[in-house]
Amino acid sequence: MSVHTKVVIIGCGISGIAAAQRLIKAGFHHVRILEATARSGGRVKTGRLGDSIVEIGANWIHGPSEENPVFCLARQYGLLDPEALTAENQAMDIGGHPPWVSNVFSSSGRKLDAVDLYPALEMFSELLHDCSEFHSQGGEPWASVGDFIRSEVNQRAAEKWKDIDANTRSLLLCVISSMLKVECCVNGTHSLDEVGLGAFGLYKTLPGLDCTFPGGYEGLIKNLMSELPSGLVTYNRPVRCVHWNNSEKSESPVMIECDDGENITADHVIVTVPLGYLKKHHSTLFHPPLPLHKLHSVQRLGFGTNNKIFVEFDSPWWDADCEVIYLVWEDEDAIVDQVPDVQRSWIKKLFGFTVLKPTERYGHLLCGWIAGHESEYMETLSEQEVTHAVTQLIRRFTGNPTITPRRILRSQWFHDPWTCGSYSYPGKGCSVQDLENMMEPLPAKGSQSQPLQVLFAGEATHSCYYSTVHGAVLSGWREADRLISHYSSVGPSVPAKSKL
């Protein structure tokens, strides 16, 4: 039966590619991907700065271990450095926070001793751990992660730091503000005040020390694409509307209306568009509209912006063993993760830089991280303005007025019309039910109509690996398997589920 079934996948990001590959291997012959842009990969996007390969989009394999399909595929295709493949690397359980060697600079131009800042880092780590416990306790004493942290910090500081002098205590609180900004980037949110406390612990980490692709993340996309039949993807083909639940008279339950006027009929459509796009366009993208419970989940889930600013230098101003540089503003002891005046002080949201290693491969290259509305505003500035702001920032924090970047390159995910941001997080009032609603196919269970007309995949539809590439892959496989098992149970069998 599946031999004649027509499946259309909207979006050629990694979840769409994963779904297509799984269906083709299971014997589906009429699979087609419609991609709005001229390229595959979606938020996996590799670029160049001079001679260096840099990631505009997805950066790491988070938790490179046997349970991570991205790691297994990358290993299969020979895309990783030898150290990423070692048993020790796979066994290291870092809980989502790599143990990087840091340099810390303050806004008065001092290089701080990381050991002196340990009380703040330890407290922040404890607070994050406590935040992740609420989902299993069935109660939310505060609405958001930000509210909880702010209410707890002063209380705990009064107890634990009572023997520390006022100046040092103030500096430690400023370090916590800096860590809040780091966490905004990790979660892809404007502020931790927007991240739901009860759902914060739903995210699961995998063991393994995060690793990167020496030849670029897009190498994974190219390998996956090479296994699909040629012509399966139609590029530059935005979809205007998915008409589903068409009447019995219609030959197919789904009709996909494209921007260029083409109408494509299908038995099933797998929608893999980013949540940011769905939030903005759901009212015109589906006819009839999304059921209310699904729409409310789309609205409750968060989707923010996390951008990178790559900065290249002639020589390093950081230590040789340094992996991450933190910038601490000495006027932020009030525990803040957003700036009062975005246009004038957006640069204060940039928490610091990761150092691209090894030096032999990248030269002296840093990647700055900035999230939220400040990050969205940064996208509107010219490259010259961004370079100037970054230069002034680094000169101020190092106390060295001569440091001058050679060149920069930044990402602009918020203004990408097909993405509208970076990745998802559980917003205030979010629960497991919202993530289950996200992945629920249409029409809803119990309907008399033909089932599985519209299926949903993509990182925002994974219940515990949202915001990751492996979550996106697993969601694509999940929806393909949903169709495969549907046809296995309703008629002539299809080949057994293939192991990728």
Protein backbone atom coordinates (compact mmCIF):
# COMPACT_ATOMS: atom_id res chain seq x y z
CA MET A 1 0.00 0.00 0.00
CA SER A 2 2.82 2.40 0.84
CA VAL A 3 4.21 1.97 -2.68
CA HIS A 4 1.47 4.27 -4.01
CA THR A 5 1.26 6.57 -0.98
CA LYS A 6 2.21 10.18 -1.64
CA VAL A 7 4.12 11.89 1.15
CA VAL A 8 5.18 15.53 0.96
CA ILE A 9 7.70 16.91 3.47
CA ILE A 10 7.79 20.66 4.03
CA GLY A 11 11.32 21.80 4.82
CA CYS A 12 14.70 20.33 3.91
CA GLY A 13 16.31 20.81 7.30
CA ILE A 14 17.80 17.78 9.00
CA SER A 15 14.45 16.54 10.37
CA GLY A 16 12.88 16.61 6.90
CA ILE A 17 15.91 14.85 5.41
CA ALA A 18 15.85 12.21 8.18
CA ALA A 19 12.14 11.54 7.61
CA ALA A 20 12.61 11.23 3.85
CA GLN A 21 15.54 8.87 4.18
CA ARG A 22 13.64 6.60 6.59
CA LEU A 23 10.56 6.47 4.34
CA ILE A 24 12.55 5.73 1.17
CA LYS A 25 14.40 2.87 2.92
CA ALA A 26 11.05 1.46 4.07
CA GLY A 27 9.76 1.26 0.49
CA PHE A 28 7.80 4.49 0.05
CA HIS A 29 8.22 5.52 -3.60
CA HIS A 30 6.40 8.86 -3.74
CA VAL A 31 8.24 11.05 -1.27
CA ARG A 32 8.96 14.67 -2.05
CA ILE A 33 10.54 17.53 -0.08
CA LEU A 34 9.52 21.15 -0.69
CA GLU A 35 12.18 23.62 0.47
CA ALA A 36 11.56 27.38 0.58
CA THR A 37 15.23 28.34 0.14
CA ALA A 38 17.96 27.44 -2.34
CA ARG A 39 19.80 25.10 0.05
CA SER A 40 19.40 22.04 2.30
CA GLY A 41 20.22 21.97 5.98
CA GLY A 42 18.01 24.65 7.52
CA ARG A 43 19.63 25.74 10.77
CA VAL A 44 22.66 23.59 10.02
CA LYS A 45 24.67 26.14 8.08
CA THR A 46 28.42 26.28 7.59
CA GLY A 47 30.27 29.39 6.40
CA ARG A 48 33.79 30.75 5.98
CA LEU A 49 35.72 33.57 7.58
CA GLY A 50 38.95 33.91 5.63
CA ASP A 51 40.46 30.42 5.56
CA SER A 52 38.46 29.14 8.51
CA ILE A 53 35.34 27.00 8.38
CA VAL A 54 32.80 28.40 10.86
CA GLU A 55 29.29 27.37 11.91
CA ILE A 56 26.66 30.04 11.26
CA GLY A 57 24.05 27.69 12.71
CA ALA A 58 24.28 24.47 14.75
CA ASN A 59 27.67 24.33 16.45
CA TRP A 60 28.22 21.16 18.48
CA ILE A 61 27.16 17.56 18.73
CA HIS A 62 25.72 17.79 22.25
CA GLY A 63 26.45 14.53 24.07
CA PRO A 64 28.42 12.58 21.44
CA SER A 65 27.64 9.04 22.60
CA GLU A 66 25.93 5.88 21.33
CA GLU A 67 22.43 7.22 22.04
CA ASN A 68 23.01 10.30 19.89
CA PRO A 69 22.04 9.65 16.24
CA VAL A 70 24.02 12.69 15.02
CA PHE A 71 27.19 11.30 16.59
CA CYS A 72 26.55 7.83 15.14
CA LEU A 73 25.93 9.25 11.65
CA ALA A 74 28.97 11.55 11.83
CA ARG A 75 31.14 8.61 12.90
CA GLN A 76 29.72 6.43 10.12
CA TYR A 77 30.56 9.12 7.53
CA GLY A 78 34.06 9.71 9.00
CA LEU A 79 33.40 13.37 9.83
CA LEU A 80 34.92 13.59 13.33
CA ASP A 81 38.34 14.14 14.89
CA PRO A 82 39.87 11.00 16.48
CA GLU A 83 39.58 12.37 20.05
CA ALA A 84 35.80 12.75 19.68
CA LEU A 85 35.58 9.01 19.00
CA THR A 86 37.42 7.83 22.13
CA ALA A 87 35.56 5.86 24.80
CA GLU A 88 36.66 8.41 27.44
CA ASN A 89 35.11 11.25 25.44
CA GLN A 90 31.82 9.39 25.06
CA ALA A 91 31.69 8.45 28.74
CA MET A 92 32.26 11.96 30.09
CA ASP A 93 28.98 13.16 31.60
CA ILE A 94 29.09 16.96 31.70
CA GLY A 95 25.39 17.62 32.32
CA GLY A 96 25.21 20.07 29.44
CA HIS A 97 27.98 22.36 30.75
CA PRO A 98 31.45 21.55 29.35
CA PRO A 99 34.32 21.99 31.84
CA TRP A 100 36.06 24.67 29.80
CA VAL A 101 39.19 26.53 30.90
CA SER A 102 38.14 30.16 31.27
CA ASN A 103 39.64 33.65 31.25
CA VAL A 104 37.53 36.30 32.98
CA PHE A 105 37.79 40.05 32.35
CA SER A 106 35.93 42.84 34.10
CA SER A 107 34.55 46.13 32.79
CA SER A 108 37.25 48.04 34.69
CA GLY A 109 39.90 46.39 32.50
CA ARG A 110 41.09 43.78 35.00
CA LYS A 111 41.78 40.14 34.34
CA LEU A 112 40.14 38.32 37.23
CA ASP A 113 41.39 35.14 38.86
CA ALA A 114 38.87 32.40 38.06
CA VAL A 115 39.53 30.80 41.48
CA ASP A 116 38.21 33.92 43.24
CA LEU A 117 34.96 33.65 41.30
CA TYR A 118 34.34 30.02 42.22
CA PRO A 119 31.72 30.82 44.94
CA ALA A 120 29.51 32.50 42.32
CA LEU A 121 29.95 29.71 39.75
CA GLU A 122 29.23 27.07 42.37
CA MET A 123 26.08 28.86 43.54
CA PHE A 124 24.85 29.37 39.98
CA SER A 125 25.40 25.70 39.18
CA GLU A 126 23.39 24.72 42.29
CA LEU A 127 20.58 27.09 41.31
CA LEU A 128 20.34 25.60 37.80
CA HIS A 129 20.25 22.13 39.29
CA ASP A 130 17.45 23.18 41.65
CA CYS A 131 15.51 24.70 38.72
CA SER A 132 15.56 21.38 36.90
CA GLU A 133 14.02 19.54 39.88
CA PHE A 134 10.63 21.28 39.83
CA HIS A 135 9.22 19.36 36.86
CA SER A 136 9.24 16.15 38.90
CA GLN A 137 7.85 17.81 42.04
CA GLY A 138 4.60 18.85 40.42
CA GLY A 139 4.73 22.45 41.58
CA GLU A 140 6.07 25.81 40.44
CA PRO A 141 6.67 28.21 43.34
CA TRP A 142 7.82 30.82 40.81
CA ALA A 143 6.62 31.38 37.24
CA SER A 144 10.03 31.43 35.63
CA VAL A 145 13.64 30.35 36.02
CA GLY A 146 14.68 34.03 36.28
CA ASP A 147 12.22 34.72 39.11
CA PHE A 148 13.44 31.69 41.06
CA ILE A 149 17.14 32.52 40.65
CA ARG A 150 16.71 36.16 41.65
CA SER A 151 14.65 35.30 44.72
CA GLU A 152 17.16 32.68 45.85
CA VAL A 153 20.46 34.42 45.12
CA ASN A 154 20.25 37.14 47.74
CA GLN A 155 19.01 34.70 50.38
CA ARG A 156 21.81 32.20 49.69
CA ALA A 157 24.45 34.94 49.36
CA ALA A 158 23.48 36.30 52.79
CA GLU A 159 24.03 32.84 54.31
CA LYS A 160 27.05 31.58 52.37
CA TRP A 161 28.98 34.79 51.75
CA LYS A 162 28.55 36.54 55.10
CA ASP A 163 32.33 36.49 55.70
CA ILE A 164 33.11 37.98 52.28
CA ASP A 165 33.71 41.74 52.07
CA ALA A 166 31.13 43.95 50.34
CA ASN A 167 33.20 44.66 47.19
CA THR A 168 33.93 40.99 46.54
CA ARG A 169 30.31 40.05 47.21
CA SER A 170 29.18 42.69 44.71
CA LEU A 171 31.59 41.27 42.11
CA LEU A 172 30.30 37.72 42.71
CA LEU A 173 26.74 38.92 42.09
CA CYS A 174 27.94 40.53 38.84
CA VAL A 175 29.42 37.14 37.85
CA ILE A 176 25.99 35.58 38.37
CA SER A 177 24.49 38.20 36.01
CA SER A 178 27.12 37.16 33.45
CA MET A 179 26.14 33.49 33.93
CA LEU A 180 22.47 34.41 33.39
CA LYS A 181 23.45 35.80 29.97
CA VAL A 182 25.31 32.56 29.20
CA GLU A 183 22.17 30.65 30.09
CA CYS A 184 20.08 32.92 27.80
CA CYS A 185 22.31 31.77 24.92
CA VAL A 186 22.09 28.12 25.98
CA ASN A 187 18.29 28.30 26.10
CA GLY A 188 17.87 30.57 23.07
CA THR A 189 15.80 33.05 25.08
CA HIS A 190 15.74 36.82 25.65
CA SER A 191 15.66 36.41 29.42
CA LEU A 192 15.39 33.56 31.90
CA ASP A 193 12.22 35.38 33.04
CA GLU A 194 10.65 33.89 29.91
CA VAL A 195 11.69 30.28 30.60
CA GLY A 196 9.11 28.21 32.51
CA LEU A 197 10.37 26.88 35.83
CA GLY A 198 8.22 23.75 35.90
CA ALA A 199 9.33 22.67 32.42
CA PHE A 200 13.02 23.62 32.73
CA GLY A 201 13.98 20.10 33.79
CA LEU A 202 12.30 18.43 30.82
CA TYR A 203 15.48 18.88 28.74
CA LYS A 204 17.69 15.79 28.91
CA THR A 205 21.42 15.70 28.29
CA LEU A 206 23.38 12.80 26.83
CA PRO A 207 26.84 11.71 28.00
CA GLY A 208 29.90 12.75 26.00
CA LEU A 209 32.04 15.88 25.76
CA ASP A 210 30.49 18.16 23.12
CA CYS A 211 32.45 18.04 19.87
CA THR A 212 32.44 19.83 16.52
CA PHE A 213 32.82 18.91 12.85
CA PRO A 214 36.35 19.82 11.63
CA GLY A 215 35.05 20.06 8.05
CA GLY A 216 31.78 21.80 8.99
CA TYR A 217 28.37 20.55 10.14
CA GLU A 218 27.08 20.76 6.56
CA GLY A 219 29.23 17.71 5.76
CA LEU A 220 26.60 15.70 7.61
CA ILE A 221 23.83 17.22 5.46
CA LYS A 222 25.76 16.50 2.25
CA ASN A 223 26.24 12.85 3.22
CA LEU A 224 22.58 12.39 4.15
CA MET A 225 21.45 14.11 0.94
CA SER A 226 23.69 11.89 -1.18
CA GLU A 227 21.64 8.88 -0.04
CA LEU A 228 18.36 10.35 -1.26
CA PRO A 229 17.20 9.83 -4.87
CA SER A 230 18.11 12.82 -7.04
CA GLY A 231 15.26 15.21 -7.74
CA LEU A 232 13.48 14.39 -4.49
CA VAL A 233 13.89 17.98 -3.25
CA THR A 234 12.33 20.97 -4.97
CA TYR A 235 14.19 24.14 -3.92
CA ASN A 236 12.90 27.73 -3.84
CA ARG A 237 9.38 26.39 -3.39
CA PRO A 238 7.73 28.07 -0.38
CA VAL A 239 4.42 26.65 0.75
CA ARG A 240 1.53 29.08 1.19
CA CYS A 241 -1.07 26.78 2.73
CA VAL A 242 -1.67 23.17 3.71
CA HIS A 243 -5.31 22.32 2.96
CA TRP A 244 -6.12 19.21 4.99
CA ASN A 245 -9.25 17.21 5.78
CA ASN A 246 -10.45 17.64 2.22
CA SER A 247 -13.90 16.16 1.62
CA GLU A 248 -14.44 12.51 0.71
CA LYS A 249 -14.96 13.49 -2.96
CA SER A 250 -11.38 14.65 -3.20
CA GLU A 251 -8.86 12.04 -4.42
CA SER A 252 -6.40 13.05 -1.69
CA PRO A 253 -7.03 14.28 1.85
CA VAL A 254 -4.25 16.90 1.65
CA MET A 255 -3.52 19.61 -0.90
CA ILE A 256 -0.41 21.75 -0.60
CA GLU A 257 -0.70 25.17 -2.15
CA CYS A 258 2.68 26.66 -3.09
CA ASP A 259 3.55 30.36 -3.37
CA ASP A 260 4.05 30.02 -7.13
CA GLY A 261 0.49 28.74 -7.59
CA GLU A 262 1.30 25.04 -7.92
CA ASN A 263 -1.08 22.74 -6.04
CA ILE A 264 0.30 19.37 -4.94
CA THR A 265 -1.97 16.60 -3.69
CA ALA A 266 -0.77 14.12 -1.06
CA ASP A 267 -1.95 11.44 1.32
CA HIS A 268 0.29 12.78 4.08
CA VAL A 269 2.35 15.90 4.71
CA ILE A 270 5.15 16.15 7.29
CA VAL A 271 5.59 19.76 8.40
CA THR A 272 9.13 20.44 9.65
CA VAL A 273 9.18 24.25 9.66
CA PRO A 274 10.88 25.95 12.65
CA LEU A 275 8.65 26.90 15.57
CA GLY A 276 9.50 30.58 14.97
CA TYR A 277 7.98 30.34 11.48
CA LEU A 278 4.98 28.41 12.82
CA LYS A 279 4.30 31.05 15.48
CA LYS A 280 4.29 33.78 12.86
CA HIS A 281 2.40 32.06 10.03
CA HIS A 282 0.17 29.33 11.52
CA SER A 283 -3.03 31.27 10.76
CA THR A 284 -2.38 31.24 7.01
CA LEU A 285 -0.36 28.01 6.81
CA PHE A 286 -3.19 25.61 7.71
CA HIS A 287 -6.74 25.34 6.42
CA PRO A 288 -8.74 24.46 8.43
CA PRO A 289 -6.73 26.15 11.22
CA LEU A 290 -4.78 24.23 13.86
CA PRO A 291 -6.99 22.86 16.66
CA LEU A 292 -7.03 25.18 19.66
CA HIS A 293 -5.06 22.93 22.04
CA LYS A 294 -2.27 22.61 19.47
CA LEU A 295 -2.28 26.34 18.76
CA HIS A 296 -2.03 27.16 22.48
CA SER A 297 1.02 24.90 22.76
CA VAL A 298 2.63 26.64 19.77
CA GLN A 299 2.08 29.93 21.61
CA ARG A 300 3.26 28.71 25.04
CA LEU A 301 6.52 27.23 23.79
CA GLY A 302 9.27 29.80 23.49
CA PHE A 303 11.40 30.49 20.42
CA GLY A 304 14.20 33.03 20.80
CA THR A 305 17.33 34.25 19.09
CA ASN A 306 20.91 33.28 19.84
CA ASN A 307 23.47 34.78 17.45
CA LYS A 308 27.21 34.45 16.95
CA ILE A 309 29.77 37.10 16.16
CA PHE A 310 33.02 35.58 14.90
CA VAL A 311 36.00 37.85 15.51
CA GLU A 312 39.45 37.22 14.04
CA PHE A 313 42.69 38.69 15.45
CA ASP A 314 46.33 38.84 14.36
CA SER A 315 47.44 37.61 17.77
CA PRO A 316 45.69 36.29 20.88
CA TRP A 317 44.94 38.43 23.95
CA TRP A 318 43.79 35.37 25.91
CA ASP A 319 45.80 32.53 27.49
CA ALA A 320 47.01 29.63 25.34
CA ASP A 321 44.89 27.06 27.22
CA CYS A 322 41.78 29.28 27.35
CA GLU A 323 38.55 27.81 25.89
CA VAL A 324 36.02 30.41 26.95
CA ILE A 325 36.24 34.13 27.84
CA TYR A 326 33.68 35.64 30.22
CA LEU A 327 33.03 39.37 30.48
CA VAL A 328 31.79 40.65 33.84
CA TRP A 329 30.18 44.09 34.09
CA GLU A 330 30.87 45.57 37.51
CA ASP A 331 27.58 47.49 37.59
CA GLU A 332 25.36 44.39 37.34
CA ASP A 333 25.13 43.16 40.93
CA ALA A 334 21.31 43.41 40.71
CA ILE A 335 21.21 40.03 38.87
CA VAL A 336 20.21 41.11 35.37
CA ASP A 337 20.18 39.27 32.04
CA GLN A 338 18.82 42.06 29.83
CA VAL A 339 19.88 45.65 29.20
CA PRO A 340 17.67 48.67 29.96
CA ASP A 341 18.36 50.44 26.66
CA VAL A 342 18.79 47.99 23.79
CA GLN A 343 19.95 50.53 21.19
CA ARG A 344 22.55 52.18 23.41
CA SER A 345 23.91 49.20 25.30
CA TRP A 346 23.02 46.05 23.34
CA ILE A 347 26.66 44.93 23.48
CA LYS A 348 26.33 44.35 27.24
CA LYS A 349 24.25 41.26 26.47
CA LEU A 350 27.27 39.56 24.82
CA PHE A 351 28.47 37.32 27.65
CA GLY A 352 31.87 36.62 26.11
CA PHE A 353 33.54 34.34 23.58
CA THR A 354 34.39 30.74 22.95
CA VAL A 355 37.86 30.12 21.51
CA LEU A 356 37.96 28.11 18.29
CA LYS A 357 40.48 25.30 18.65
CA PRO A 358 42.94 24.09 17.51
CA THR A 359 44.87 27.26 16.66
CA GLU A 360 46.57 25.45 13.73
CA ARG A 361 43.13 25.11 12.12
CA TYR A 362 41.52 28.44 13.05
CA GLY A 363 44.30 30.90 13.79
CA HIS A 364 43.25 33.43 16.44
CA LEU A 365 39.49 33.23 16.13
CA LEU A 366 36.81 33.82 18.76
CA CYS A 367 33.07 33.28 18.63
CA GLY A 368 31.02 35.83 20.59
CA TRP A 369 27.56 34.83 21.83
CA ILE A 370 24.57 37.11 22.23
CA ALA A 371 20.90 36.25 22.76
CA GLY A 372 17.55 37.98 22.96
CA HIS A 373 16.24 41.34 21.74
CA GLU A 374 19.77 42.79 21.98
CA SER A 375 20.86 40.09 19.54
CA GLU A 376 17.94 40.90 17.23
CA TYR A 377 18.90 44.58 17.30
CA MET A 378 22.53 43.67 16.52
CA GLU A 379 21.30 42.05 13.29
CA THR A 380 20.00 45.42 12.05
CA LEU A 381 23.39 47.15 12.40
CA SER A 382 26.03 47.32 9.68
CA GLU A 383 29.06 45.05 9.95
CA GLN A 384 31.12 48.20 10.56
CA GLU A 385 28.95 49.19 13.55
CA VAL A 386 29.16 45.70 15.04
CA THR A 387 32.94 45.63 14.54
CA HIS A 388 33.26 49.02 16.27
CA ALA A 389 31.13 47.92 19.26
CA VAL A 390 33.07 44.65 19.68
CA THR A 391 36.41 46.46 19.37
CA GLN A 392 35.47 49.03 22.06
CA LEU A 393 34.20 46.23 24.31
CA ILE A 394 37.40 44.19 24.08
CA ARG A 395 39.63 47.25 24.57
CA ARG A 396 37.67 48.21 27.68
CA PHE A 397 37.73 44.76 29.26
CA THR A 398 41.41 44.02 28.53
CA GLY A 399 42.58 47.55 29.27
CA ASN A 400 44.49 47.38 25.98
CA PRO A 401 43.55 50.29 23.66
CA THR A 402 45.38 48.86 20.63
CA ILE A 403 43.58 45.54 20.14
CA THR A 404 41.95 45.60 16.70
CA PRO A 405 39.99 42.72 15.11
CA ARG A 406 41.05 41.77 11.61
CA ARG A 407 37.47 40.99 10.52
CA ILE A 408 34.13 39.74 11.80
CA LEU A 409 31.23 37.59 10.60
CA ARG A 410 27.88 37.39 12.39
CA SER A 411 24.75 35.30 12.11
CA GLN A 412 21.31 36.89 11.64
CA TRP A 413 18.77 34.22 12.51
CA PHE A 414 15.93 36.47 13.66
CA HIS A 415 15.65 38.25 10.32
CA ASP A 416 15.86 35.00 8.37
CA PRO A 417 12.25 34.89 7.07
CA TRP A 418 12.06 31.08 7.14
CA THR A 419 13.38 30.68 10.69
CA CYS A 420 12.46 33.84 12.67
CA GLY A 421 14.92 33.00 15.46
CA SER A 422 17.21 30.20 16.59
CA TYR A 423 15.57 27.40 18.57
CA SER A 424 12.87 26.49 21.05
CA TYR A 425 12.64 26.45 24.83
CA PRO A 426 9.76 25.76 27.24
CA GLY A 427 8.09 29.08 28.02
CA LYS A 428 6.19 30.10 31.14
CA GLY A 429 3.27 27.81 31.89
CA CYS A 430 4.67 25.10 29.61
CA SER A 431 4.33 21.40 30.44
CA VAL A 432 5.05 17.98 28.95
CA GLN A 433 1.56 18.15 27.46
CA ASP A 434 2.57 21.08 25.25
CA LEU A 435 5.45 19.09 23.75
CA GLU A 436 3.10 16.15 23.19
CA ASN A 437 0.58 18.48 21.54
CA MET A 438 3.36 19.74 19.23
CA MET A 439 4.01 16.27 17.84
CA GLU A 440 0.36 15.19 17.61
CA PRO A 441 -0.73 14.55 14.00
CA LEU A 442 -3.91 15.95 12.43
CA PRO A 443 -6.75 15.16 12.40
CA ALA A 444 -6.87 14.49 16.15
CA LYS A 445 -7.53 11.00 17.51
CA GLY A 446 -11.15 9.94 17.41
CA SER A 447 -11.88 11.82 14.19
CA GLN A 448 -13.73 9.95 11.44
CA SER A 449 -11.43 11.39 8.76
CA GLN A 450 -8.45 9.62 7.23
CA PRO A 451 -5.76 9.64 9.95
CA LEU A 452 -2.22 11.06 9.79
CA GLN A 453 -2.92 13.72 7.19
CA VAL A 454 -0.59 16.31 8.73
CA LEU A 455 2.40 15.20 10.80
CA PHE A 456 4.84 17.45 12.65
CA ALA A 457 8.62 17.09 13.07
CA GLY A 458 11.54 19.35 13.97
CA GLU A 459 13.50 20.10 17.14
CA ALA A 460 10.54 21.89 18.81
CA THR A 461 8.48 18.68 18.63
CA HIS A 462 10.88 16.53 20.66
CA SER A 463 9.83 16.04 24.27
CA CYS A 464 13.30 16.13 25.84
CA TYR A 465 15.90 16.96 23.13
CA TYR A 466 14.24 20.15 21.87
CA SER A 467 16.69 22.80 20.58
CA THR A 468 19.19 20.19 19.36
CA VAL A 469 20.15 18.64 16.03
CA HIS A 470 19.75 15.13 17.47
CA GLY A 471 16.25 16.09 18.62
CA ALA A 472 15.46 17.19 15.06
CA VAL A 473 16.78 13.90 13.57
CA LEU A 474 14.87 11.76 16.05
CA SER A 475 11.65 13.71 15.40
CA GLY A 476 12.00 13.11 11.64
CA TRP A 477 12.50 9.39 12.22
CA ARG A 478 9.56 9.32 14.64
CA GLU A 479 7.12 10.72 12.07
CA ALA A 480 8.45 8.45 9.31
CA ASP A 481 8.02 5.48 11.67
CA ARG A 482 4.47 6.64 12.44
CA LEU A 483 3.62 6.32 8.74
CA ILE A 484 5.56 3.09 8.32
CA SER A 485 3.74 1.39 11.19
CA HIS A 486 0.40 2.78 9.97
CA TYR A 487 0.87 1.04 6.62
CA SER A 488 2.29 -2.08 8.24
CA SER A 489 -0.94 -2.45 10.20
CA VAL A 490 -3.51 -1.52 7.55
CA GLY A 491 -2.59 -3.69 4.61
CA PRO A 492 0.16 -5.44 2.67
CA SER A 493 3.28 -5.12 4.74
CA VAL A 494 6.11 -2.78 3.96
CA PRO A 495 9.73 -3.81 4.57
CA ALA A 496 10.65 -3.88 8.28
CA LYS A 497 11.79 -0.64 9.87
CA SER A 498 15.35 -0.01 8.75
CA LYS A 499 18.05 0.74 11.29
CA LEU A 500 19.95 3.83 10.25
